[in-house]
């Protein structure tokens, strides 16, 4: 939407990150794909590979998928607040409802960078409108088997 890209040199210029986490992706990072969908899949793999490692090393962490929080924002935030022993007040509930309401647009208007009031439930599947079936298949192929640790088959539909 905003035409942003990602310079994989940001990863390559961090020797410790490459050594500890991203070595499996070294060759592809040095010669990244040209197509946006393939670049996005590579970036996702790098980020989720590190995330998965952190989750495995820290079994006590609370991890929430964006899709779960977006589908039931009040309930999911209530759980987070309870786990952190933070009061979950009416003002917080009202703010969450206002920010995630179905009355909000799904897509951010124009080129507004940080338009946060969105219809969170509809936003979960909005990516399907901007990708072709072939692109979705390519992304799924490139991100398996790591994606299956976070997503079920029906998440792709």
N, C-alpha and C. Protein backbone atom coordinates (compact mmCIF):
# COMPACT_ATOMS: atom_id res chain seq x y z
N UNK A 1 0.82 -1.19 0.00
CA UNK A 1 0.00 0.00 0.00
C UNK A 1 0.86 1.25 0.00
N UNK A 2 1.91 1.25 0.79
CA UNK A 2 2.77 2.42 0.89
C UNK A 2 4.05 2.28 0.08
N UNK A 3 4.21 1.13 -0.58
CA UNK A 3 5.39 0.94 -1.41
C UNK A 3 6.67 0.69 -0.64
N UNK A 4 6.54 0.31 0.61
CA UNK A 4 7.73 0.05 1.41
C UNK A 4 8.35 -1.29 1.02
N UNK A 5 9.64 -1.37 1.15
CA UNK A 5 10.34 -2.62 0.91
C UNK A 5 11.16 -2.96 2.15
N UNK A 6 11.96 -3.99 2.03
CA UNK A 6 12.84 -4.36 3.13
C UNK A 6 14.21 -4.67 2.55
N UNK A 7 15.23 -4.08 3.13
CA UNK A 7 16.61 -4.31 2.72
C UNK A 7 17.16 -5.46 3.56
N UNK A 8 17.35 -6.61 2.94
CA UNK A 8 17.85 -7.78 3.66
C UNK A 8 19.28 -7.59 4.15
N UNK A 9 19.95 -6.56 3.64
CA UNK A 9 21.27 -6.21 4.18
C UNK A 9 21.20 -5.86 5.65
N UNK A 10 20.02 -5.44 6.12
CA UNK A 10 19.85 -5.18 7.55
C UNK A 10 20.13 -6.42 8.38
N UNK A 11 19.76 -7.58 7.87
CA UNK A 11 20.05 -8.83 8.56
C UNK A 11 21.52 -9.22 8.36
N UNK A 12 21.96 -9.15 7.11
CA UNK A 12 23.32 -9.58 6.78
C UNK A 12 24.38 -8.78 7.51
N UNK A 13 24.07 -7.53 7.83
CA UNK A 13 25.02 -6.66 8.53
C UNK A 13 25.04 -6.88 10.04
N UNK A 14 24.38 -7.91 10.50
CA UNK A 14 24.37 -8.26 11.93
C UNK A 14 24.92 -9.68 12.08
N UNK A 15 26.25 -9.81 12.19
CA UNK A 15 26.87 -11.14 12.22
C UNK A 15 26.32 -12.06 13.31
N UNK A 16 26.05 -11.52 14.48
CA UNK A 16 25.55 -12.36 15.57
C UNK A 16 24.15 -12.90 15.24
N UNK A 17 23.30 -12.05 14.68
CA UNK A 17 21.96 -12.47 14.26
C UNK A 17 22.06 -13.56 13.21
N UNK A 18 22.92 -13.37 12.25
CA UNK A 18 23.09 -14.36 11.19
C UNK A 18 23.62 -15.68 11.75
N UNK A 19 24.61 -15.59 12.65
CA UNK A 19 25.21 -16.79 13.21
C UNK A 19 24.22 -17.53 14.10
N UNK A 20 23.54 -16.81 14.98
CA UNK A 20 22.67 -17.45 15.97
C UNK A 20 21.32 -17.89 15.41
N UNK A 21 20.81 -17.15 14.43
CA UNK A 21 19.42 -17.38 14.04
C UNK A 21 19.19 -17.58 12.54
N UNK A 22 19.80 -16.78 11.73
CA UNK A 22 19.40 -16.74 10.33
C UNK A 22 20.34 -17.45 9.37
N UNK A 23 21.26 -18.24 9.89
CA UNK A 23 22.18 -18.98 9.03
C UNK A 23 21.46 -19.83 7.99
N UNK A 24 20.34 -20.48 8.32
CA UNK A 24 19.65 -21.29 7.30
C UNK A 24 19.18 -20.48 6.09
N UNK A 25 19.09 -19.18 6.23
CA UNK A 25 18.58 -18.33 5.16
C UNK A 25 19.69 -17.50 4.49
N UNK A 26 20.93 -17.74 4.88
CA UNK A 26 22.06 -16.92 4.45
C UNK A 26 22.15 -16.77 2.93
N UNK A 27 22.10 -17.86 2.21
CA UNK A 27 22.25 -17.80 0.75
C UNK A 27 21.14 -16.98 0.12
N UNK A 28 19.92 -17.20 0.55
CA UNK A 28 18.79 -16.46 -0.03
C UNK A 28 18.82 -14.99 0.37
N UNK A 29 19.29 -14.70 1.58
CA UNK A 29 19.39 -13.31 2.01
C UNK A 29 20.46 -12.56 1.20
N UNK A 30 21.52 -13.26 0.81
CA UNK A 30 22.57 -12.62 0.02
C UNK A 30 22.14 -12.37 -1.41
N UNK A 31 21.19 -13.16 -1.88
CA UNK A 31 20.65 -12.99 -3.23
C UNK A 31 19.13 -13.11 -3.15
N UNK A 32 18.47 -12.10 -2.57
CA UNK A 32 17.03 -12.20 -2.33
C UNK A 32 16.21 -12.20 -3.61
N UNK A 33 15.04 -12.79 -3.53
CA UNK A 33 14.16 -12.81 -4.71
C UNK A 33 13.74 -11.40 -5.09
N UNK A 34 13.36 -11.24 -6.33
CA UNK A 34 12.97 -9.92 -6.83
C UNK A 34 11.48 -9.64 -6.63
N UNK A 35 10.65 -10.65 -6.73
CA UNK A 35 9.21 -10.44 -6.64
C UNK A 35 8.78 -10.17 -5.21
N UNK A 36 7.87 -9.22 -5.06
CA UNK A 36 7.40 -8.78 -3.75
C UNK A 36 6.85 -9.93 -2.91
N UNK A 37 6.07 -10.80 -3.50
CA UNK A 37 5.48 -11.92 -2.76
C UNK A 37 6.57 -12.84 -2.22
N UNK A 38 7.57 -13.12 -3.04
CA UNK A 38 8.66 -14.00 -2.61
C UNK A 38 9.53 -13.33 -1.55
N UNK A 39 9.74 -12.02 -1.69
CA UNK A 39 10.50 -11.27 -0.68
C UNK A 39 9.74 -11.28 0.65
N UNK A 40 8.43 -11.10 0.58
CA UNK A 40 7.61 -11.13 1.79
C UNK A 40 7.66 -12.49 2.46
N UNK A 41 7.63 -13.55 1.66
CA UNK A 41 7.70 -14.90 2.22
C UNK A 41 9.05 -15.13 2.91
N UNK A 42 10.12 -14.65 2.30
CA UNK A 42 11.45 -14.79 2.91
C UNK A 42 11.52 -14.00 4.22
N UNK A 43 11.03 -12.78 4.22
CA UNK A 43 11.04 -11.98 5.44
C UNK A 43 10.21 -12.66 6.53
N UNK A 44 9.04 -13.19 6.16
CA UNK A 44 8.19 -13.90 7.13
C UNK A 44 8.95 -15.09 7.70
N UNK A 45 9.62 -15.86 6.84
CA UNK A 45 10.36 -17.03 7.32
C UNK A 45 11.45 -16.63 8.32
N UNK A 46 12.17 -15.56 8.02
CA UNK A 46 13.22 -15.10 8.93
C UNK A 46 12.63 -14.70 10.28
N UNK A 47 11.60 -13.89 10.25
CA UNK A 47 11.00 -13.40 11.50
C UNK A 47 10.40 -14.53 12.31
N UNK A 48 9.66 -15.41 11.64
CA UNK A 48 8.99 -16.49 12.37
C UNK A 48 9.96 -17.59 12.80
N UNK A 49 11.07 -17.75 12.09
CA UNK A 49 12.10 -18.69 12.53
C UNK A 49 12.67 -18.23 13.88
N UNK A 50 12.94 -16.94 13.98
CA UNK A 50 13.45 -16.38 15.24
C UNK A 50 12.37 -16.46 16.31
N UNK A 51 11.15 -16.07 15.97
CA UNK A 51 10.05 -16.13 16.94
C UNK A 51 9.86 -17.55 17.45
N UNK A 52 9.86 -18.52 16.56
CA UNK A 52 9.69 -19.91 16.97
C UNK A 52 10.81 -20.34 17.91
N UNK A 53 12.02 -19.90 17.64
CA UNK A 53 13.14 -20.22 18.53
C UNK A 53 12.94 -19.62 19.92
N UNK A 54 12.47 -18.37 19.97
CA UNK A 54 12.20 -17.74 21.27
C UNK A 54 11.09 -18.47 22.02
N UNK A 55 10.05 -18.87 21.31
CA UNK A 55 8.94 -19.58 21.94
C UNK A 55 9.43 -20.92 22.50
N UNK A 56 10.24 -21.63 21.72
CA UNK A 56 10.75 -22.93 22.18
C UNK A 56 11.64 -22.77 23.42
N UNK A 57 12.41 -21.70 23.47
CA UNK A 57 13.33 -21.47 24.59
C UNK A 57 12.65 -20.85 25.81
N UNK A 58 11.44 -20.36 25.64
CA UNK A 58 10.72 -19.67 26.72
C UNK A 58 9.29 -20.19 26.82
N UNK A 59 9.13 -21.42 27.30
CA UNK A 59 7.79 -22.01 27.31
C UNK A 59 6.79 -21.27 28.21
N UNK A 60 7.25 -20.43 29.10
CA UNK A 60 6.36 -19.67 29.96
C UNK A 60 5.79 -18.41 29.32
N UNK A 61 6.27 -18.07 28.14
CA UNK A 61 5.79 -16.87 27.47
C UNK A 61 4.33 -17.04 27.02
N UNK A 62 3.62 -15.95 27.03
CA UNK A 62 2.29 -15.91 26.44
C UNK A 62 2.43 -15.39 25.02
N UNK A 63 1.99 -16.18 24.08
CA UNK A 63 2.08 -15.80 22.68
C UNK A 63 0.68 -15.80 22.10
N UNK A 64 0.32 -14.71 21.45
CA UNK A 64 -1.00 -14.57 20.82
C UNK A 64 -0.80 -14.30 19.34
N UNK A 65 -1.54 -15.03 18.54
CA UNK A 65 -1.51 -14.76 17.11
C UNK A 65 -2.38 -13.54 16.81
N UNK A 66 -1.94 -12.73 15.88
CA UNK A 66 -2.70 -11.55 15.47
C UNK A 66 -4.13 -11.93 15.10
N UNK A 67 -4.29 -13.03 14.41
CA UNK A 67 -5.61 -13.48 13.97
C UNK A 67 -6.54 -13.75 15.15
N UNK A 68 -6.01 -14.34 16.21
CA UNK A 68 -6.83 -14.63 17.39
C UNK A 68 -7.24 -13.35 18.11
N UNK A 69 -6.30 -12.43 18.24
CA UNK A 69 -6.58 -11.15 18.91
C UNK A 69 -7.58 -10.35 18.08
N UNK A 70 -7.42 -10.36 16.77
CA UNK A 70 -8.32 -9.60 15.90
C UNK A 70 -9.73 -10.17 15.90
N UNK A 71 -9.86 -11.48 16.01
CA UNK A 71 -11.18 -12.12 15.98
C UNK A 71 -11.97 -11.88 17.27
N UNK A 72 -11.29 -11.76 18.37
CA UNK A 72 -11.96 -11.57 19.68
C UNK A 72 -11.12 -10.63 20.53
N UNK A 73 -11.04 -9.36 20.15
CA UNK A 73 -10.10 -8.44 20.81
C UNK A 73 -10.33 -8.26 22.31
N UNK A 74 -11.54 -8.06 22.74
CA UNK A 74 -11.78 -7.82 24.17
C UNK A 74 -11.40 -9.05 24.97
N UNK A 75 -11.82 -10.21 24.52
CA UNK A 75 -11.52 -11.45 25.25
C UNK A 75 -10.02 -11.72 25.30
N UNK A 76 -9.35 -11.52 24.17
CA UNK A 76 -7.91 -11.79 24.11
C UNK A 76 -7.12 -10.80 24.97
N UNK A 77 -7.50 -9.52 24.92
CA UNK A 77 -6.80 -8.55 25.76
C UNK A 77 -7.12 -8.77 27.24
N UNK A 78 -8.34 -9.20 27.54
CA UNK A 78 -8.67 -9.52 28.92
C UNK A 78 -7.73 -10.61 29.44
N UNK A 79 -7.51 -11.63 28.62
CA UNK A 79 -6.61 -12.72 29.00
C UNK A 79 -5.19 -12.20 29.23
N UNK A 80 -4.71 -11.35 28.34
CA UNK A 80 -3.36 -10.79 28.49
C UNK A 80 -3.26 -9.99 29.78
N UNK A 81 -4.23 -9.12 30.01
CA UNK A 81 -4.21 -8.29 31.22
C UNK A 81 -4.24 -9.17 32.47
N UNK A 82 -5.06 -10.21 32.46
CA UNK A 82 -5.12 -11.11 33.62
C UNK A 82 -3.79 -11.82 33.85
N UNK A 83 -3.19 -12.30 32.78
CA UNK A 83 -1.90 -12.99 32.90
C UNK A 83 -0.82 -12.08 33.47
N UNK A 84 -0.93 -10.78 33.15
CA UNK A 84 0.06 -9.81 33.62
C UNK A 84 -0.37 -9.12 34.91
N UNK A 85 -1.51 -9.54 35.43
CA UNK A 85 -2.04 -8.98 36.67
C UNK A 85 -2.20 -7.45 36.59
N UNK A 86 -2.78 -7.00 35.47
CA UNK A 86 -3.06 -5.59 35.24
C UNK A 86 -4.57 -5.41 35.25
N UNK A 87 -5.09 -4.40 35.93
CA UNK A 87 -6.54 -4.19 35.94
C UNK A 87 -7.09 -3.96 34.53
N UNK A 88 -8.19 -4.63 34.23
CA UNK A 88 -8.84 -4.52 32.92
C UNK A 88 -10.13 -3.73 33.13
N UNK A 89 -10.05 -2.43 32.92
CA UNK A 89 -11.14 -1.52 33.28
C UNK A 89 -12.12 -1.29 32.13
N UNK A 90 -13.23 -0.67 32.47
CA UNK A 90 -14.22 -0.30 31.46
C UNK A 90 -13.65 0.63 30.41
N UNK A 91 -12.78 1.54 30.82
CA UNK A 91 -12.16 2.45 29.85
C UNK A 91 -11.31 1.69 28.84
N UNK A 92 -10.62 0.67 29.29
CA UNK A 92 -9.79 -0.14 28.40
C UNK A 92 -10.69 -0.90 27.44
N UNK A 93 -11.75 -1.49 27.95
CA UNK A 93 -12.69 -2.23 27.10
C UNK A 93 -13.26 -1.30 26.03
N UNK A 94 -13.69 -0.10 26.45
CA UNK A 94 -14.25 0.86 25.50
C UNK A 94 -13.24 1.23 24.42
N UNK A 95 -12.01 1.43 24.80
CA UNK A 95 -10.97 1.78 23.83
C UNK A 95 -10.73 0.65 22.84
N UNK A 96 -10.66 -0.58 23.33
CA UNK A 96 -10.47 -1.73 22.45
C UNK A 96 -11.64 -1.84 21.48
N UNK A 97 -12.85 -1.70 22.00
CA UNK A 97 -14.04 -1.79 21.14
C UNK A 97 -14.04 -0.68 20.09
N UNK A 98 -13.66 0.52 20.47
CA UNK A 98 -13.62 1.64 19.54
C UNK A 98 -12.57 1.42 18.44
N UNK A 99 -11.40 0.91 18.84
CA UNK A 99 -10.31 0.72 17.88
C UNK A 99 -10.54 -0.46 16.93
N UNK A 100 -11.34 -1.45 17.33
CA UNK A 100 -11.50 -2.68 16.55
C UNK A 100 -12.91 -2.88 15.99
N UNK A 101 -13.76 -1.92 16.14
CA UNK A 101 -15.18 -2.01 15.78
C UNK A 101 -15.41 -2.36 14.31
N UNK A 102 -16.49 -3.07 14.06
CA UNK A 102 -16.87 -3.37 12.67
C UNK A 102 -17.33 -2.11 11.94
N UNK A 103 -17.56 -1.03 12.66
CA UNK A 103 -17.90 0.25 12.03
C UNK A 103 -16.67 0.93 11.42
N UNK A 104 -15.49 0.48 11.80
CA UNK A 104 -14.24 1.03 11.27
C UNK A 104 -13.97 0.44 9.89
N UNK A 105 -13.17 1.15 9.09
CA UNK A 105 -12.81 0.57 7.78
C UNK A 105 -11.89 -0.63 7.95
N UNK A 106 -11.89 -1.50 6.95
CA UNK A 106 -10.97 -2.64 6.96
C UNK A 106 -9.58 -2.17 6.55
N UNK A 107 -9.54 -1.40 5.49
CA UNK A 107 -8.26 -0.91 4.97
C UNK A 107 -8.00 0.51 5.46
N UNK A 108 -6.75 0.80 5.72
CA UNK A 108 -6.37 2.16 6.12
C UNK A 108 -6.64 3.09 4.95
N UNK A 109 -7.20 4.25 5.22
CA UNK A 109 -7.50 5.17 4.12
C UNK A 109 -6.24 5.80 3.52
N UNK A 110 -6.23 5.87 2.19
CA UNK A 110 -5.14 6.56 1.48
C UNK A 110 -3.77 6.08 1.89
N UNK A 111 -2.88 7.03 2.09
CA UNK A 111 -1.51 6.72 2.46
C UNK A 111 -1.24 7.01 3.92
N UNK A 112 -2.25 6.91 4.75
CA UNK A 112 -2.07 7.14 6.18
C UNK A 112 -1.26 5.98 6.75
N UNK A 113 -0.12 6.28 7.31
CA UNK A 113 0.79 5.24 7.77
C UNK A 113 0.25 4.47 8.98
N UNK A 114 -0.21 5.17 9.97
CA UNK A 114 -0.60 4.52 11.22
C UNK A 114 -2.08 4.74 11.55
N UNK A 115 -2.94 4.43 10.62
CA UNK A 115 -4.37 4.48 10.89
C UNK A 115 -4.72 3.19 11.62
N UNK A 116 -4.99 3.29 12.91
CA UNK A 116 -5.14 2.09 13.73
C UNK A 116 -6.58 1.68 13.98
N UNK A 117 -7.53 2.57 13.79
CA UNK A 117 -8.92 2.18 13.99
C UNK A 117 -9.37 1.40 12.77
N UNK A 118 -9.44 0.08 12.93
CA UNK A 118 -9.77 -0.81 11.82
C UNK A 118 -10.78 -1.85 12.29
N UNK A 119 -11.51 -2.40 11.35
CA UNK A 119 -12.42 -3.51 11.62
C UNK A 119 -11.56 -4.76 11.75
N UNK A 120 -11.18 -5.06 12.97
CA UNK A 120 -10.17 -6.11 13.18
C UNK A 120 -10.64 -7.49 12.73
N UNK A 121 -11.93 -7.79 12.88
CA UNK A 121 -12.41 -9.11 12.50
C UNK A 121 -12.32 -9.31 10.98
N UNK A 122 -12.69 -8.28 10.22
CA UNK A 122 -12.62 -8.37 8.76
C UNK A 122 -11.19 -8.28 8.26
N UNK A 123 -10.34 -7.59 9.00
CA UNK A 123 -8.95 -7.39 8.61
C UNK A 123 -8.19 -8.71 8.51
N UNK A 124 -8.59 -9.69 9.32
CA UNK A 124 -7.89 -10.97 9.38
C UNK A 124 -7.80 -11.64 8.01
N UNK A 125 -8.83 -11.55 7.21
CA UNK A 125 -8.85 -12.22 5.91
C UNK A 125 -8.68 -11.25 4.73
N UNK A 126 -8.42 -9.99 5.01
CA UNK A 126 -8.35 -9.00 3.93
C UNK A 126 -7.20 -9.26 2.96
N UNK A 127 -6.15 -9.92 3.42
CA UNK A 127 -5.01 -10.21 2.56
C UNK A 127 -5.43 -11.05 1.35
N UNK A 128 -6.49 -11.83 1.50
CA UNK A 128 -6.92 -12.70 0.41
C UNK A 128 -7.42 -11.91 -0.79
N UNK A 129 -7.86 -10.68 -0.57
CA UNK A 129 -8.37 -9.84 -1.66
C UNK A 129 -7.23 -9.24 -2.48
N UNK A 130 -6.05 -9.13 -1.88
CA UNK A 130 -4.95 -8.46 -2.59
C UNK A 130 -3.96 -9.44 -3.22
N UNK A 131 -4.16 -10.72 -3.01
CA UNK A 131 -3.27 -11.73 -3.58
C UNK A 131 -4.04 -12.66 -4.50
N UNK A 132 -3.38 -13.12 -5.54
CA UNK A 132 -4.00 -14.10 -6.43
C UNK A 132 -3.92 -15.48 -5.78
N UNK A 133 -4.68 -16.41 -6.30
CA UNK A 133 -4.64 -17.78 -5.79
C UNK A 133 -3.23 -18.36 -5.97
N UNK A 134 -2.60 -18.03 -7.09
CA UNK A 134 -1.24 -18.50 -7.34
C UNK A 134 -0.24 -17.93 -6.34
N UNK A 135 -0.40 -16.66 -6.00
CA UNK A 135 0.50 -16.04 -5.02
C UNK A 135 0.31 -16.67 -3.64
N UNK A 136 -0.93 -16.93 -3.28
CA UNK A 136 -1.20 -17.58 -1.99
C UNK A 136 -0.57 -18.96 -1.96
N UNK A 137 -0.68 -19.69 -3.04
CA UNK A 137 -0.07 -21.03 -3.12
C UNK A 137 1.44 -20.93 -3.00
N UNK A 138 2.05 -19.97 -3.70
CA UNK A 138 3.51 -19.77 -3.62
C UNK A 138 3.95 -19.44 -2.20
N UNK A 139 3.23 -18.54 -1.56
CA UNK A 139 3.57 -18.16 -0.18
C UNK A 139 3.47 -19.38 0.73
N UNK A 140 2.41 -20.13 0.57
CA UNK A 140 2.23 -21.31 1.42
C UNK A 140 3.35 -22.32 1.21
N UNK A 141 3.73 -22.54 -0.04
CA UNK A 141 4.82 -23.48 -0.33
C UNK A 141 6.14 -23.01 0.27
N UNK A 142 6.40 -21.72 0.17
CA UNK A 142 7.68 -21.17 0.65
C UNK A 142 7.75 -21.11 2.17
N UNK A 143 6.62 -21.05 2.83
CA UNK A 143 6.64 -20.89 4.29
C UNK A 143 6.38 -22.20 5.06
N UNK A 144 6.07 -23.27 4.36
CA UNK A 144 5.93 -24.56 5.03
C UNK A 144 7.32 -25.14 5.27
N UNK A 145 7.57 -25.92 6.31
CA UNK A 145 6.66 -26.38 7.33
C UNK A 145 6.53 -25.42 8.53
N UNK A 146 7.28 -24.34 8.53
CA UNK A 146 7.23 -23.42 9.67
C UNK A 146 5.83 -22.84 9.85
N UNK A 147 5.17 -22.52 8.76
CA UNK A 147 3.82 -21.94 8.86
C UNK A 147 2.86 -22.88 9.57
N UNK A 148 3.03 -24.17 9.39
CA UNK A 148 2.11 -25.13 10.02
C UNK A 148 2.26 -25.15 11.54
N UNK A 149 3.32 -24.59 12.06
CA UNK A 149 3.48 -24.48 13.52
C UNK A 149 2.60 -23.36 14.08
N UNK A 150 2.20 -22.43 13.22
CA UNK A 150 1.41 -21.29 13.64
C UNK A 150 0.00 -21.26 13.05
N UNK A 151 -0.18 -21.90 11.90
CA UNK A 151 -1.44 -21.80 11.17
C UNK A 151 -1.95 -23.18 10.77
N UNK A 152 -3.27 -23.35 10.84
CA UNK A 152 -3.91 -24.57 10.38
C UNK A 152 -4.29 -24.41 8.92
N UNK A 153 -4.66 -25.51 8.28
CA UNK A 153 -5.04 -25.46 6.87
C UNK A 153 -6.17 -24.47 6.61
N UNK A 154 -7.15 -24.41 7.50
CA UNK A 154 -8.29 -23.52 7.26
C UNK A 154 -7.94 -22.04 7.42
N UNK A 155 -6.79 -21.72 7.96
CA UNK A 155 -6.36 -20.32 8.02
C UNK A 155 -6.00 -19.77 6.64
N UNK A 156 -5.73 -20.67 5.70
CA UNK A 156 -5.32 -20.27 4.35
C UNK A 156 -6.52 -20.04 3.43
N UNK A 157 -7.70 -20.34 3.91
CA UNK A 157 -8.91 -20.24 3.08
C UNK A 157 -9.64 -18.94 3.35
